PDB file of N, CA and C in Angstrom:
ATOM      1  N   LEU A   1       0.326  -1.665  -0.166  1.00  0.00           N
ATOM      2  CA  LEU A   1       0.037   0.041  -0.151  1.00  0.00           C
ATOM      3  C   LEU A   1       0.914   1.638   0.175  1.00  0.00           C
ATOM      4  N   GLY A   2       1.853   1.320   0.959  1.00  0.00           N
ATOM      5  CA  GLY A   2       2.406   2.675   0.897  1.00  0.00           C
ATOM      6  C   GLY A   2       2.315   3.543   1.785  1.00  0.00           C
ATOM      7  N   ALA A   3       2.448   4.823   0.307  1.00  0.00           N
ATOM      8  CA  ALA A   3       2.251   6.006   0.350  1.00  0.00           C
ATOM      9  C   ALA A   3       0.007   6.041   1.316  1.00  0.00           C
ATOM     10  N   ALA A   4      -0.219   5.786   0.010  1.00  0.00           N
ATOM     11  CA  ALA A   4      -2.175   5.080   0.025  1.00  0.00           C
ATOM     12  C   ALA A   4      -2.323   5.016   1.271  1.00  0.00           C
ATOM     13  N   SER A   5      -1.278   3.499   2.335  1.00  0.00           N
ATOM     14  CA  SER A   5      -1.859   3.576   3.502  1.00  0.00           C
ATOM     15  C   SER A   5      -2.433   4.788   3.781  1.00  0.00           C
ATOM     16  N   ASN A   6      -1.622   5.838   4.447  1.00  0.00           N
ATOM     17  CA  ASN A   6      -1.895   7.466   4.901  1.00  0.00           C
ATOM     18  C   ASN A   6      -3.354   7.613   4.743  1.00  0.00           C
ATOM     19  N   LEU A   7      -4.001   7.589   3.408  1.00  0.00           N
ATOM     20  CA  LEU A   7      -4.707   8.133   3.456  1.00  0.00           C
ATOM     21  C   LEU A   7      -5.713   8.429   3.957  1.00  0.00           C
ATOM     22  N   THR A   8      -6.426   9.409   4.144  1.00  0.00           N
ATOM     23  CA  THR A   8      -7.122   9.539   4.784  1.00  0.00           C
ATOM     24  C   THR A   8      -8.895  10.091   4.517  1.00  0.00           C
ATOM     25  N   GLN A   9      -8.216  10.960   3.120  1.00  0.00           N
ATOM     26  CA  GLN A   9      -9.930  10.481   2.110  1.00  0.00           C
ATOM     27  C   GLN A   9      -9.549  10.016   0.813  1.00  0.00           C
ATOM     28  N   LEU A  10     -10.724   9.828   0.829  1.00  0.00           N
ATOM     29  CA  LEU A  10     -10.961   9.227  -1.105  1.00  0.00           C
ATOM     30  C   LEU A  10     -12.419   9.354  -1.742  1.00  0.00           C
ATOM     31  N   ILE A  11     -11.926  10.086  -2.543  1.00  0.00           N
ATOM     32  CA  ILE A  11     -13.663  11.198  -2.628  1.00  0.00           C
ATOM     33  C   ILE A  11     -13.982  11.044  -4.170  1.00  0.00           C
ATOM     34  N   LEU A  12     -14.596   9.925  -4.572  1.00  0.00           N
ATOM     35  CA  LEU A  12     -13.966   9.501  -5.846  1.00  0.00           C
ATOM     36  C   LEU A  12     -16.024   9.949  -6.304  1.00  0.00           C
ATOM     37  N   SER A  13     -17.159  10.793  -6.308  1.00  0.00           N
ATOM     38  CA  SER A  13     -18.006  10.673  -6.576  1.00  0.00           C
ATOM     39  C   SER A  13     -18.107  11.146  -8.150  1.00  0.00           C
ATOM     40  N   ASN A  14     -19.578  10.624  -7.952  1.00  0.00           N
ATOM     41  CA  ASN A  14     -19.567  12.158 -10.099  1.00  0.00           C
ATOM     42  C   ASN A  14     -18.198  10.958 -11.074  1.00  0.00           C
ATOM     43  N   ASN A  15     -17.587   9.895 -10.578  1.00  0.00           N
ATOM     44  CA  ASN A  15     -16.723   9.110 -12.021  1.00  0.00           C
ATOM     45  C   ASN A  15     -17.289   8.361 -12.947  1.00  0.00           C
ATOM     46  N   GLN A  16     -18.700   8.298 -12.384  1.00  0.00           N
ATOM     47  CA  GLN A  16     -18.451   7.319 -13.393  1.00  0.00           C
ATOM     48  C   GLN A  16     -18.264   5.434 -13.450  1.00  0.00           C
ATOM     49  N   LEU A  17     -17.931   4.830 -12.317  1.00  0.00           N
ATOM     50  CA  LEU A  17     -17.665   4.107 -11.282  1.00  0.00           C
ATOM     51  C   LEU A  17     -18.407   2.985 -11.507  1.00  0.00           C
ATOM     52  N   SER A  18     -18.319   1.511 -11.763  1.00  0.00           N
ATOM     53  CA  SER A  18     -19.288   0.777 -12.157  1.00  0.00           C
ATOM     54  C   SER A  18     -18.501  -0.544 -11.634  1.00  0.00           C
ATOM     55  N   GLY A  19     -19.416  -1.700 -11.400  1.00  0.00           N
ATOM     56  CA  GLY A  19     -19.484  -2.774 -10.388  1.00  0.00           C
ATOM     57  C   GLY A  19     -18.822  -2.742  -9.435  1.00  0.00           C
ATOM     58  N   ALA A  20     -18.349  -3.791  -8.719  1.00  0.00           N
ATOM     59  CA  ALA A  20     -18.345  -3.327  -7.229  1.00  0.00           C
ATOM     60  C   ALA A  20     -17.865  -2.403  -6.411  1.00  0.00           C
ATOM     61  N   ILE A  21     -17.915  -2.821  -5.054  1.00  0.00           N
ATOM     62  CA  ILE A  21     -17.292  -2.031  -4.044  1.00  0.00           C
ATOM     63  C   ILE A  21     -15.656  -2.954  -4.131  1.00  0.00           C
ATOM     64  N   PRO A  22     -14.820  -2.795  -4.297  1.00  0.00           N
ATOM     65  CA  PRO A  22     -13.495  -3.467  -3.865  1.00  0.00           C
ATOM     66  C   PRO A  22     -13.778  -3.360  -2.191  1.00  0.00           C
ATOM     67  N   PRO A  23     -13.647  -5.270  -1.605  1.00  0.00           N
ATOM     68  CA  PRO A  23     -13.444  -4.163   0.345  1.00  0.00           C
ATOM     69  C   PRO A  23     -12.254  -5.314   0.276  1.00  0.00           C
ATOM     70  N   GLU A  24     -10.834  -4.806  -0.964  1.00  0.00           N
ATOM     71  CA  GLU A  24      -9.573  -3.972  -0.574  1.00  0.00           C
ATOM     72  C   GLU A  24      -9.877  -2.212  -0.122  1.00  0.00           C
ATOM     73  N   LEU A  25     -10.823  -2.144   0.192  1.00  0.00           N
ATOM     74  CA  LEU A  25     -10.355  -0.279   0.274  1.00  0.00           C
ATOM     75  C   LEU A  25     -10.456  -0.551   2.209  1.00  0.00           C
ATOM     76  N   ALA A  26     -10.851  -1.526   3.056  1.00  0.00           N
ATOM     77  CA  ALA A  26     -10.270  -1.935   4.169  1.00  0.00           C
ATOM     78  C   ALA A  26      -8.791  -1.759   4.640  1.00  0.00           C
ATOM     79  N   ASN A  27      -8.166  -1.797   3.884  1.00  0.00           N
ATOM     80  CA  ASN A  27      -7.034  -1.833   3.468  1.00  0.00           C
ATOM     81  C   ASN A  27      -6.493  -0.186   4.094  1.00  0.00           C
ATOM     82  N   LEU A  28      -7.120   0.509   3.893  1.00  0.00           N
ATOM     83  CA  LEU A  28      -6.999   2.175   4.259  1.00  0.00           C
ATOM     84  C   LEU A  28      -7.780   2.541   5.203  1.00  0.00           C
ATOM     85  N   ARG A  29      -6.653   1.792   6.369  1.00  0.00           N
ATOM     86  CA  ARG A  29      -7.465   1.930   7.834  1.00  0.00           C
ATOM     87  C   ARG A  29      -7.303   3.640   8.668  1.00  0.00           C
ATOM     88  N   GLN A  30      -6.254   4.594   7.956  1.00  0.00           N
ATOM     89  CA  GLN A  30      -6.294   5.405   8.319  1.00  0.00           C
ATOM     90  C   GLN A  30      -7.604   6.614   7.049  1.00  0.00           C
ATOM     91  N   LEU A  31      -7.969   6.057   6.435  1.00  0.00           N
ATOM     92  CA  LEU A  31      -9.604   6.587   5.903  1.00  0.00           C
ATOM     93  C   LEU A  31     -10.774   7.135   7.431  1.00  0.00           C
ATOM     94  N   ALA A  32     -11.070   8.062   7.206  1.00  0.00           N
ATOM     95  CA  ALA A  32     -11.745   9.172   7.823  1.00  0.00           C
ATOM     96  C   ALA A  32     -13.530   9.611   6.530  1.00  0.00           C
ATOM     97  N   ILE A  33     -13.303   9.846   5.114  1.00  0.00           N
ATOM     98  CA  ILE A  33     -13.603  10.170   4.517  1.00  0.00           C
ATOM     99  C   ILE A  33     -13.816   9.117   2.994  1.00  0.00           C
ATOM    100  N   LEU A  34     -14.920   8.891   3.075  1.00  0.00           N
ATOM    101  CA  LEU A  34     -15.547   7.684   1.860  1.00  0.00           C
ATOM    102  C   LEU A  34     -16.551   7.831   1.030  1.00  0.00           C
ATOM    103  N   ARG A  35     -16.640   8.894  -0.334  1.00  0.00           N
ATOM    104  CA  ARG A  35     -17.414   8.895  -1.049  1.00  0.00           C
ATOM    105  C   ARG A  35     -17.276   8.208  -2.266  1.00  0.00           C
ATOM    106  N   LEU A  36     -18.183   7.657  -2.649  1.00  0.00           N
ATOM    107  CA  LEU A  36     -18.909   7.339  -4.401  1.00  0.00           C
ATOM    108  C   LEU A  36     -20.046   6.924  -3.746  1.00  0.00           C
ATOM    109  N   ASP A  37     -20.969   7.765  -3.562  1.00  0.00           N
ATOM    110  CA  ASP A  37     -21.901   8.454  -4.677  1.00  0.00           C
ATOM    111  C   ASP A  37     -21.656   9.012  -6.201  1.00  0.00           C
ATOM    112  N   ASN A  38     -23.466   8.663  -6.222  1.00  0.00           N
ATOM    113  CA  ASN A  38     -23.216   9.322  -8.146  1.00  0.00           C
ATOM    114  C   ASN A  38     -22.949   8.497  -8.679  1.00  0.00           C
ATOM    115  N   ASN A  39     -22.636   6.816  -8.354  1.00  0.00           N
ATOM    116  CA  ASN A  39     -21.937   6.698  -9.506  1.00  0.00           C
ATOM    117  C   ASN A  39     -22.846   4.568 -10.371  1.00  0.00           C
ATOM    118  N   GLN A  40     -21.998   4.601 -11.025  1.00  0.00           N
ATOM    119  CA  GLN A  40     -22.859   3.365 -11.471  1.00  0.00           C
ATOM    120  C   GLN A  40     -22.853   1.734 -10.681  1.00  0.00           C
ATOM    121  N   LEU A  41     -22.277   2.046  -9.209  1.00  0.00           N
ATOM    122  CA  LEU A  41     -21.368   0.498  -8.619  1.00  0.00           C
ATOM    123  C   LEU A  41     -22.972   0.008  -8.043  1.00  0.00           C
ATOM    124  N   SER A  42     -22.571  -1.284  -8.155  1.00  0.00           N
ATOM    125  CA  SER A  42     -24.378  -2.362  -7.792  1.00  0.00           C
ATOM    126  C   SER A  42     -23.136  -3.624  -7.410  1.00  0.00           C
ATOM    127  N   GLY A  43     -23.465  -4.375  -6.135  1.00  0.00           N
ATOM    128  CA  GLY A  43     -23.433  -5.803  -5.698  1.00  0.00           C
ATOM    129  C   GLY A  43     -23.598  -5.008  -4.403  1.00  0.00           C
ATOM    130  N   ALA A  44     -23.747  -5.834  -2.865  1.00  0.00           N
ATOM    131  CA  ALA A  44     -23.825  -5.471  -1.617  1.00  0.00           C
ATOM    132  C   ALA A  44     -22.560  -4.467  -1.882  1.00  0.00           C
ATOM    133  N   ILE A  45     -22.759  -4.355  -0.325  1.00  0.00           N
ATOM    134  CA  ILE A  45     -21.809  -3.237   0.360  1.00  0.00           C
ATOM    135  C   ILE A  45     -20.622  -4.525   1.345  1.00  0.00           C
ATOM    136  N   PRO A  46     -19.171  -4.235   0.578  1.00  0.00           N
ATOM    137  CA  PRO A  46     -18.136  -4.862   1.060  1.00  0.00           C
ATOM    138  C   PRO A  46     -18.566  -5.345   2.524  1.00  0.00           C
ATOM    139  N   ALA A  47     -18.977  -6.187   3.660  1.00  0.00           N
ATOM    140  CA  ALA A  47     -18.926  -6.115   5.063  1.00  0.00           C
ATOM    141  C   ALA A  47     -17.852  -5.659   5.092  1.00  0.00           C
ATOM    142  N   GLU A  48     -16.750  -5.805   4.609  1.00  0.00           N
ATOM    143  CA  GLU A  48     -14.529  -5.732   5.472  1.00  0.00           C
ATOM    144  C   GLU A  48     -14.717  -4.285   6.112  1.00  0.00           C
ATOM    145  N   LEU A  49     -15.788  -3.282   5.724  1.00  0.00           N
ATOM    146  CA  LEU A  49     -15.061  -2.250   5.334  1.00  0.00           C
ATOM    147  C   LEU A  49     -15.454  -1.903   6.663  1.00  0.00           C
ATOM    148  N   ASP A  50     -15.631  -2.071   7.393  1.00  0.00           N
ATOM    149  CA  ASP A  50     -16.145  -2.457   9.246  1.00  0.00           C
ATOM    150  C   ASP A  50     -14.983  -1.604   9.735  1.00  0.00           C
ATOM    151  N   ALA A  51     -13.672  -2.403   8.627  1.00  0.00           N
ATOM    152  CA  ALA A  51     -12.194  -1.982   9.416  1.00  0.00           C
ATOM    153  C   ALA A  51     -12.145  -1.117   9.356  1.00  0.00           C
ATOM    154  N   LEU A  52     -12.642   0.098   9.025  1.00  0.00           N
ATOM    155  CA  LEU A  52     -12.338   1.698   8.223  1.00  0.00           C
ATOM    156  C   LEU A  52     -12.803   2.144  10.449  1.00  0.00           C
ATOM    157  N   THR A  53     -12.406   1.670  10.680  1.00  0.00           N
ATOM    158  CA  THR A  53     -12.620   2.355  12.483  1.00  0.00           C
ATOM    159  C   THR A  53     -11.916   3.932  12.106  1.00  0.00           C
ATOM    160  N   ALA A  54     -11.575   4.152  11.441  1.00  0.00           N
ATOM    161  CA  ALA A  54     -11.295   5.762  11.522  1.00  0.00           C
ATOM    162  C   ALA A  54     -12.454   6.378  11.221  1.00  0.00           C
ATOM    163  N   LEU A  55     -13.319   6.492  10.107  1.00  0.00           N
ATOM    164  CA  LEU A  55     -14.338   6.042   9.826  1.00  0.00           C
ATOM    165  C   LEU A  55     -15.413   7.334   9.638  1.00  0.00           C
ATOM    166  N   THR A  56     -15.449   8.499   9.544  1.00  0.00           N
ATOM    167  CA  THR A  56     -16.828   9.499  10.151  1.00  0.00           C
ATOM    168  C   THR A  56     -17.756   9.444   9.329  1.00  0.00           C
ATOM    169  N   THR A  57     -17.657   9.626   7.808  1.00  0.00           N
ATOM    170  CA  THR A  57     -18.133   9.886   6.987  1.00  0.00           C
ATOM    171  C   THR A  57     -18.023   8.556   5.605  1.00  0.00           C
ATOM    172  N   LEU A  58     -19.629   7.751   5.674  1.00  0.00           N
ATOM    173  CA  LEU A  58     -19.588   7.318   3.950  1.00  0.00           C
ATOM    174  C   LEU A  58     -20.580   7.777   3.132  1.00  0.00           C
ATOM    175  N   TRP A  59     -20.302   7.929   2.162  1.00  0.00           N
ATOM    176  CA  TRP A  59     -21.700   8.180   1.201  1.00  0.00           C
ATOM    177  C   TRP A  59     -21.637   7.929   0.059  1.00  0.00           C
ATOM    178  N   LEU A  60     -22.991   6.873  -0.068  1.00  0.00           N
ATOM    179  CA  LEU A  60     -23.368   5.895  -1.037  1.00  0.00           C
ATOM    180  C   LEU A  60     -24.777   5.780  -2.104  1.00  0.00           C
ATOM    181  N   HIS A  61     -24.890   7.215  -1.568  1.00  0.00           N
ATOM    182  CA  HIS A  61     -26.118   7.187  -2.319  1.00  0.00           C
ATOM    183  C   HIS A  61     -25.778   7.490  -3.750  1.00  0.00           C
ATOM    184  N   LYS A  62     -26.679   7.272  -5.128  1.00  0.00           N
ATOM    185  CA  LYS A  62     -26.512   7.470  -6.178  1.00  0.00           C
ATOM    186  C   LYS A  62     -26.259   6.180  -7.196  1.00  0.00           C
ATOM    187  N   ASN A  63     -25.937   5.048  -6.503  1.00  0.00           N
ATOM    188  CA  ASN A  63     -25.518   3.674  -7.195  1.00  0.00           C
ATOM    189  C   ASN A  63     -26.569   3.026  -6.933  1.00  0.00           C
ATOM    190  N   GLN A  64     -26.848   1.403  -7.722  1.00  0.00           N
ATOM    191  CA  GLN A  64     -26.588   0.848  -7.514  1.00  0.00           C
ATOM    192  C   GLN A  64     -27.100  -0.480  -6.594  1.00  0.00           C
ATOM    193  N   LEU A  65     -26.582   0.084  -5.784  1.00  0.00           N
ATOM    194  CA  LEU A  65     -26.408  -1.266  -4.281  1.00  0.00           C
ATOM    195  C   LEU A  65     -27.259  -2.108  -3.923  1.00  0.00           C
ATOM    196  N   SER A  66     -27.047  -3.201  -4.156  1.00  0.00           N
ATOM    197  CA  SER A  66     -28.342  -3.781  -3.181  1.00  0.00           C
ATOM    198  C   SER A  66     -27.962  -4.931  -1.889  1.00  0.00           C
ATOM    199  N   GLY A  67     -29.151  -5.626  -1.295  1.00  0.00           N
ATOM    200  CA  GLY A  67     -28.930  -5.684  -0.548  1.00  0.00           C
ATOM    201  C   GLY A  67     -28.885  -4.819   0.957  1.00  0.00           C
ATOM    202  N   PRO A  68     -29.416  -5.567   2.266  1.00  0.00           N
ATOM    203  CA  PRO A  68     -28.480  -5.042   3.362  1.00  0.00           C
ATOM    204  C   PRO A  68     -27.413  -4.159   3.619  1.00  0.00           C
ATOM    205  N   ILE A  69     -27.746  -3.153   4.756  1.00  0.00           N
ATOM    206  CA  ILE A  69     -25.886  -1.999   5.178  1.00  0.00           C
ATOM    207  C   ILE A  69     -25.873  -4.148   6.279  1.00  0.00           C
ATOM    208  N   PRO A  70     -24.359  -3.493   6.395  1.00  0.00           N
ATOM    209  CA  PRO A  70     -23.505  -4.363   6.901  1.00  0.00           C
ATOM    210  C   PRO A  70     -23.738  -4.786   7.654  1.00  0.00           C
ATOM    211  N   PRO A  71     -24.300  -5.974   8.662  1.00  0.00           N
ATOM    212  CA  PRO A  71     -25.061  -4.718  10.521  1.00  0.00           C
ATOM    213  C   PRO A  71     -23.322  -4.743  11.021  1.00  0.00           C
ATOM    214  N   GLN A  72     -22.318  -5.184  10.546  1.00  0.00           N
ATOM    215  CA  GLN A  72     -20.292  -5.332  10.739  1.00  0.00           C
ATOM    216  C   GLN A  72     -20.823  -3.180  11.539  1.00  0.00           C
ATOM    217  N   PHE A  73     -21.351  -2.560  10.544  1.00  0.00           N
ATOM    218  CA  PHE A  73     -21.104  -1.519  10.249  1.00  0.00           C
ATOM    219  C   PHE A  73     -21.849  -0.970  11.648  1.00  0.00           C
ATOM    220  N   GLY A  74     -22.974  -1.935  13.113  1.00  0.00           N
ATOM    221  CA  GLY A  74     -22.840  -1.073  13.755  1.00  0.00           C
ATOM    222  C   GLY A  74     -21.855  -0.558  14.799  1.00  0.00           C
ATOM    223  N   THR A  75     -20.454  -1.439  14.779  1.00  0.00           N
ATOM    224  CA  THR A  75     -19.825  -1.156  15.342  1.00  0.00           C
ATOM    225  C   THR A  75     -18.542  -0.036  15.494  1.00  0.00           C
ATOM    226  N   LEU A  76     -19.092   0.872  14.382  1.00  0.00           N
ATOM    227  CA  LEU A  76     -18.200   2.125  13.699  1.00  0.00           C
ATOM    228  C   LEU A  76     -18.697   2.716  14.801  1.00  0.00           C
ATOM    229  N   THR A  77     -17.783   3.078  15.573  1.00  0.00           N
ATOM    230  CA  THR A  77     -18.144   4.493  16.207  1.00  0.00           C
ATOM    231  C   THR A  77     -18.030   5.878  15.976  1.00  0.00           C
ATOM    232  N   ASN A  78     -16.740   6.399  14.943  1.00  0.00           N
ATOM    233  CA  ASN A  78     -16.999   7.375  14.798  1.00  0.00           C
ATOM    234  C   ASN A  78     -18.028   8.079  13.975  1.00  0.00           C
TER     235      ASN A  78
END
């Protein structure tokens, strides 16, 4: 991961992204803001994202995601 391991914000809104949200995003442990809104993402929200314990902002609206919000997200305190 290198320098990416220190990433605190990942904002990819309005980029016409498609496909599934990569569970590998969970490796960005310092991530506080993750914005993937207004794209064409599909599939389930990866439960692995519960490892993002520094996360304060998660925007996933205006995509074609399916399934429930992973219950593990209830343990995120920020």
